[in-house]
PDB file of N, CA and C in Angstrom:
ATOM      1  N   MET A   1      -6.370  30.946  55.500  1.00  0.00           N
ATOM      2  CA  MET A   1      -6.673  30.502  54.154  1.00  0.00           C
ATOM      3  C   MET A   1      -5.431  30.475  53.270  1.00  0.00           C
ATOM      4  N   LYS A   2      -4.480  31.376  53.536  1.00  0.00           N
ATOM      5  CA  LYS A   2      -3.269  31.416  52.729  1.00  0.00           C
ATOM      6  C   LYS A   2      -2.434  30.158  52.902  1.00  0.00           C
ATOM      7  N   LYS A   3      -2.405  29.595  54.121  1.00  0.00           N
ATOM      8  CA  LYS A   3      -1.637  28.379  54.343  1.00  0.00           C
ATOM      9  C   LYS A   3      -2.135  27.243  53.465  1.00  0.00           C
ATOM     10  N   LYS A   4      -3.430  27.120  53.349  1.00  0.00           N
ATOM     11  CA  LYS A   4      -3.983  26.023  52.566  1.00  0.00           C
ATOM     12  C   LYS A   4      -3.645  26.192  51.086  1.00  0.00           C
ATOM     13  N   SER A   5      -3.757  27.401  50.563  1.00  0.00           N
ATOM     14  CA  SER A   5      -3.457  27.600  49.148  1.00  0.00           C
ATOM     15  C   SER A   5      -1.963  27.436  48.882  1.00  0.00           C
ATOM     16  N   LEU A   6      -1.117  27.841  49.834  1.00  0.00           N
ATOM     17  CA  LEU A   6       0.323  27.645  49.679  1.00  0.00           C
ATOM     18  C   LEU A   6       0.657  26.160  49.707  1.00  0.00           C
ATOM     19  N   LEU A   7      -0.001  25.421  50.590  1.00  0.00           N
ATOM     20  CA  LEU A   7       0.213  23.981  50.658  1.00  0.00           C
ATOM     21  C   LEU A   7      -0.226  23.318  49.357  1.00  0.00           C
ATOM     22  N   ASN A   8      -1.368  23.724  48.830  1.00  0.00           N
ATOM     23  CA  ASN A   8      -1.840  23.159  47.565  1.00  0.00           C
ATOM     24  C   ASN A   8      -0.881  23.481  46.427  1.00  0.00           C
ATOM     25  N   LYS A   9      -0.353  24.702  46.405  1.00  0.00           N
ATOM     26  CA  LYS A   9       0.590  25.095  45.360  1.00  0.00           C
ATOM     27  C   LYS A   9       1.864  24.260  45.453  1.00  0.00           C
ATOM     28  N   THR A  10       2.368  24.084  46.669  1.00  0.00           N
ATOM     29  CA  THR A  10       3.580  23.297  46.874  1.00  0.00           C
ATOM     30  C   THR A  10       3.346  21.840  46.490  1.00  0.00           C
ATOM     31  N   LEU A  11       2.221  21.292  46.885  1.00  0.00           N
ATOM     32  CA  LEU A  11       1.904  19.910  46.546  1.00  0.00           C
ATOM     33  C   LEU A  11       1.773  19.738  45.039  1.00  0.00           C
ATOM     34  N   THR A  12       1.149  20.687  44.379  1.00  0.00           N
ATOM     35  CA  THR A  12       1.006  20.628  42.925  1.00  0.00           C
ATOM     36  C   THR A  12       2.375  20.675  42.254  1.00  0.00           C
ATOM     37  N   GLN A  13       3.243  21.548  42.716  1.00  0.00           N
ATOM     38  CA  GLN A  13       4.589  21.632  42.150  1.00  0.00           C
ATOM     39  C   GLN A  13       5.357  20.334  42.376  1.00  0.00           C
ATOM     40  N   PHE A  14       5.218  19.758  43.554  1.00  0.00           N
ATOM     41  CA  PHE A  14       5.892  18.494  43.852  1.00  0.00           C
ATOM     42  C   PHE A  14       5.405  17.384  42.927  1.00  0.00           C
ATOM     43  N   ILE A  15       4.100  17.284  42.741  1.00  0.00           N
ATOM     44  CA  ILE A  15       3.534  16.246  41.878  1.00  0.00           C
ATOM     45  C   ILE A  15       4.001  16.433  40.440  1.00  0.00           C
ATOM     46  N   ILE A  16       4.022  17.661  39.963  1.00  0.00           N
ATOM     47  CA  ILE A  16       4.464  17.931  38.592  1.00  0.00           C
ATOM     48  C   ILE A  16       5.941  17.580  38.425  1.00  0.00           C
ATOM     49  N   CYS A  17       6.772  17.990  39.374  1.00  0.00           N
ATOM     50  CA  CYS A  17       8.204  17.674  39.297  1.00  0.00           C
ATOM     51  C   CYS A  17       8.449  16.167  39.358  1.00  0.00           C
ATOM     52  N   THR A  18       7.727  15.486  40.218  1.00  0.00           N
ATOM     53  CA  THR A  18       7.867  14.035  40.324  1.00  0.00           C
ATOM     54  C   THR A  18       7.462  13.349  39.024  1.00  0.00           C
ATOM     55  N   ALA A  19       6.374  13.792  38.425  1.00  0.00           N
ATOM     56  CA  ALA A  19       5.925  13.211  37.159  1.00  0.00           C
ATOM     57  C   ALA A  19       6.947  13.451  36.056  1.00  0.00           C
ATOM     58  N   ILE A  20       7.524  14.642  36.008  1.00  0.00           N
ATOM     59  CA  ILE A  20       8.529  14.947  34.982  1.00  0.00           C
ATOM     60  C   ILE A  20       9.770  14.075  35.166  1.00  0.00           C
ATOM     61  N   ILE A  21      10.216  13.935  36.409  1.00  0.00           N
ATOM     62  CA  ILE A  21      11.391  13.095  36.675  1.00  0.00           C
ATOM     63  C   ILE A  21      11.119  11.647  36.277  1.00  0.00           C
ATOM     64  N   LEU A  22       9.948  11.132  36.608  1.00  0.00           N
ATOM     65  CA  LEU A  22       9.610   9.755  36.229  1.00  0.00           C
ATOM     66  C   LEU A  22       9.534   9.594  34.717  1.00  0.00           C
ATOM     67  N   LEU A  23       8.958  10.567  34.033  1.00  0.00           N
ATOM     68  CA  LEU A  23       8.870  10.496  32.574  1.00  0.00           C
ATOM     69  C   LEU A  23      10.248  10.539  31.921  1.00  0.00           C
ATOM     70  N   LEU A  24      11.168  11.282  32.498  1.00  0.00           N
ATOM     71  CA  LEU A  24      12.518  11.341  31.944  1.00  0.00           C
ATOM     72  C   LEU A  24      13.336  10.098  32.289  1.00  0.00           C
ATOM     73  N   ALA A  25      13.114   9.525  33.459  1.00  0.00           N
ATOM     74  CA  ALA A  25      13.909   8.384  33.899  1.00  0.00           C
ATOM     75  C   ALA A  25      13.430   7.061  33.310  1.00  0.00           C
ATOM     76  N   THR A  26      12.166   6.960  32.977  1.00  0.00           N
ATOM     77  CA  THR A  26      11.613   5.698  32.484  1.00  0.00           C
ATOM     78  C   THR A  26      12.281   5.212  31.196  1.00  0.00           C
ATOM     79  N   PRO A  27      12.443   6.046  30.163  1.00  0.00           N
ATOM     80  CA  PRO A  27      13.113   5.553  28.948  1.00  0.00           C
ATOM     81  C   PRO A  27      14.558   5.124  29.203  1.00  0.00           C
ATOM     82  N   LEU A  28      15.263   5.847  30.051  1.00  0.00           N
ATOM     83  CA  LEU A  28      16.639   5.477  30.368  1.00  0.00           C
ATOM     84  C   LEU A  28      16.679   4.122  31.066  1.00  0.00           C
ATOM     85  N   PHE A  29      15.811   3.915  32.033  1.00  0.00           N
ATOM     86  CA  PHE A  29      15.742   2.634  32.730  1.00  0.00           C
ATOM     87  C   PHE A  29      15.387   1.510  31.758  1.00  0.00           C
ATOM     88  N   TYR A  30      14.457   1.769  30.845  1.00  0.00           N
ATOM     89  CA  TYR A  30      14.053   0.765  29.858  1.00  0.00           C
ATOM     90  C   TYR A  30      15.232   0.380  28.964  1.00  0.00           C
ATOM     91  N   LEU A  31      15.948   1.378  28.461  1.00  0.00           N
ATOM     92  CA  LEU A  31      17.069   1.089  27.565  1.00  0.00           C
ATOM     93  C   LEU A  31      18.182   0.330  28.276  1.00  0.00           C
ATOM     94  N   LEU A  32      18.489   0.716  29.507  1.00  0.00           N
ATOM     95  CA  LEU A  32      19.520  -0.003  30.255  1.00  0.00           C
ATOM     96  C   LEU A  32      19.110  -1.445  30.519  1.00  0.00           C
ATOM     97  N   THR A  33      17.878  -1.642  30.924  1.00  0.00           N
ATOM     98  CA  THR A  33      17.385  -2.990  31.196  1.00  0.00           C
ATOM     99  C   THR A  33      17.378  -3.833  29.927  1.00  0.00           C
ATOM    100  N   LYS A  34      16.905  -3.262  28.845  1.00  0.00           N
ATOM    101  CA  LYS A  34      16.835  -3.982  27.570  1.00  0.00           C
ATOM    102  C   LYS A  34      18.229  -4.366  27.095  1.00  0.00           C
ATOM    103  N   HIS A  35      19.179  -3.451  27.198  1.00  0.00           N
ATOM    104  CA  HIS A  35      20.538  -3.720  26.728  1.00  0.00           C
ATOM    105  C   HIS A  35      21.183  -4.854  27.519  1.00  0.00           C
ATOM    106  N   TYR A  36      21.144  -4.767  28.838  1.00  0.00           N
ATOM    107  CA  TYR A  36      21.819  -5.781  29.643  1.00  0.00           C
ATOM    108  C   TYR A  36      21.079  -7.111  29.624  1.00  0.00           C
ATOM    109  N   TYR A  37      19.757  -7.091  29.548  1.00  0.00           N
ATOM    110  CA  TYR A  37      18.995  -8.336  29.470  1.00  0.00           C
ATOM    111  C   TYR A  37      19.287  -9.035  28.151  1.00  0.00           C
ATOM    112  N   ALA A  38      19.301  -8.275  27.048  1.00  0.00           N
ATOM    113  CA  ALA A  38      19.568  -8.854  25.730  1.00  0.00           C
ATOM    114  C   ALA A  38      20.984  -9.420  25.680  1.00  0.00           C
ATOM    115  N   GLU A  39      21.925  -8.743  26.301  1.00  0.00           N
ATOM    116  CA  GLU A  39      23.307  -9.212  26.315  1.00  0.00           C
ATOM    117  C   GLU A  39      23.410 -10.557  27.038  1.00  0.00           C
ATOM    118  N   ASP A  40      22.745 -10.695  28.165  1.00  0.00           N
ATOM    119  CA  ASP A  40      22.752 -11.956  28.906  1.00  0.00           C
ATOM    120  C   ASP A  40      22.056 -13.063  28.121  1.00  0.00           C
ATOM    121  N   MET A  41      20.955 -12.728  27.461  1.00  0.00           N
ATOM    122  CA  MET A  41      20.233 -13.739  26.685  1.00  0.00           C
ATOM    123  C   MET A  41      21.077 -14.244  25.519  1.00  0.00           C
ATOM    124  N   ILE A  42      21.831 -13.374  24.874  1.00  0.00           N
ATOM    125  CA  ILE A  42      22.702 -13.793  23.772  1.00  0.00           C
ATOM    126  C   ILE A  42      23.738 -14.787  24.286  1.00  0.00           C
ATOM    127  N   ASP A  43      24.337 -14.510  25.444  1.00  0.00           N
ATOM    128  CA  ASP A  43      25.318 -15.432  26.026  1.00  0.00           C
ATOM    129  C   ASP A  43      24.692 -16.787  26.332  1.00  0.00           C
ATOM    130  N   ILE A  44      23.491 -16.791  26.874  1.00  0.00           N
ATOM    131  CA  ILE A  44      22.811 -18.044  27.222  1.00  0.00           C
ATOM    132  C   ILE A  44      22.471 -18.840  25.965  1.00  0.00           C
ATOM    133  N   ILE A  45      21.959 -18.174  24.939  1.00  0.00           N
ATOM    134  CA  ILE A  45      21.589 -18.858  23.695  1.00  0.00           C
ATOM    135  C   ILE A  45      22.820 -19.457  23.027  1.00  0.00           C
ATOM    136  N   GLU A  46      23.909 -18.697  22.961  1.00  0.00           N
ATOM    137  CA  GLU A  46      25.133 -19.211  22.339  1.00  0.00           C
ATOM    138  C   GLU A  46      25.681 -20.409  23.107  1.00  0.00           C
ATOM    139  N   ALA A  47      25.637 -20.363  24.421  1.00  0.00           N
ATOM    140  CA  ALA A  47      26.154 -21.469  25.230  1.00  0.00           C
ATOM    141  C   ALA A  47      25.326 -22.730  25.023  1.00  0.00           C
ATOM    142  N   THR A  48      24.016 -22.600  24.980  1.00  0.00           N
ATOM    143  CA  THR A  48      23.177 -23.790  24.803  1.00  0.00           C
ATOM    144  C   THR A  48      23.299 -24.354  23.390  1.00  0.00           C
ATOM    145  N   GLN A  49      23.481 -23.508  22.392  1.00  0.00           N
ATOM    146  CA  GLN A  49      23.636 -23.994  21.020  1.00  0.00           C
ATOM    147  C   GLN A  49      24.944 -24.754  20.841  1.00  0.00           C
ATOM    148  N   GLN A  50      25.969 -24.362  21.575  1.00  0.00           N
ATOM    149  CA  GLN A  50      27.267 -25.024  21.466  1.00  0.00           C
ATOM    150  C   GLN A  50      27.405 -26.185  22.447  1.00  0.00           C
ATOM    151  N   GLY A  51      26.389 -26.404  23.261  1.00  0.00           N
ATOM    152  CA  GLY A  51      26.405 -27.516  24.201  1.00  0.00           C
ATOM    153  C   GLY A  51      27.212 -27.251  25.458  1.00  0.00           C
ATOM    154  N   HIS A  52      27.560 -26.020  25.712  1.00  0.00           N
ATOM    155  CA  HIS A  52      28.303 -25.665  26.924  1.00  0.00           C
ATOM    156  C   HIS A  52      27.323 -25.437  28.072  1.00  0.00           C
ATOM    157  N   PRO A  53      27.813 -25.540  29.318  1.00  0.00           N
ATOM    158  CA  PRO A  53      26.929 -25.203  30.446  1.00  0.00           C
ATOM    159  C   PRO A  53      26.609 -23.706  30.432  1.00  0.00           C
ATOM    160  N   LEU A  54      25.537 -23.373  31.104  1.00  0.00           N
ATOM    161  CA  LEU A  54      25.129 -21.968  31.136  1.00  0.00           C
ATOM    162  C   LEU A  54      26.196 -21.116  31.816  1.00  0.00           C
ATOM    163  N   PRO A  55      26.491 -19.960  31.232  1.00  0.00           N
ATOM    164  CA  PRO A  55      27.499 -19.087  31.845  1.00  0.00           C
ATOM    165  C   PRO A  55      26.965 -18.444  33.122  1.00  0.00           C
ATOM    166  N   GLU A  56      27.889 -18.136  34.012  1.00  0.00           N
ATOM    167  CA  GLU A  56      27.479 -17.433  35.230  1.00  0.00           C
ATOM    168  C   GLU A  56      27.164 -15.994  34.866  1.00  0.00           C
ATOM    169  N   LEU A  57      26.055 -15.507  35.374  1.00  0.00           N
ATOM    170  CA  LEU A  57      25.650 -14.140  35.076  1.00  0.00           C
ATOM    171  C   LEU A  57      26.232 -13.204  36.116  1.00  0.00           C
ATOM    172  N   GLU A  58      26.723 -12.064  35.641  1.00  0.00           N
ATOM    173  CA  GLU A  58      27.274 -11.067  36.554  1.00  0.00           C
ATOM    174  C   GLU A  58      26.138 -10.254  37.138  1.00  0.00           C
ATOM    175  N   VAL A  59      26.038 -10.262  38.443  1.00  0.00           N
ATOM    176  CA  VAL A  59      25.021  -9.463  39.116  1.00  0.00           C
ATOM    177  C   VAL A  59      25.732  -8.272  39.731  1.00  0.00           C
ATOM    178  N   VAL A  60      25.389  -7.101  39.213  1.00  0.00           N
ATOM    179  CA  VAL A  60      26.069  -5.885  39.686  1.00  0.00           C
ATOM    180  C   VAL A  60      25.151  -5.107  40.574  1.00  0.00           C
TER     181      VAL A  60
END
């Protein structure tokens, strides 16, 4: 019986740690994506307004 309760405790700790890591990483991922996406969109909008061809996007 102890093995099962230890397994449940370990699984619970793993799920909690995973949820905390995801909650902490999500805002960072959002901000990075928003910043670089907005930067690329500004370049595209400026190029089309000036009649230039679309700039090549850097894929990192």
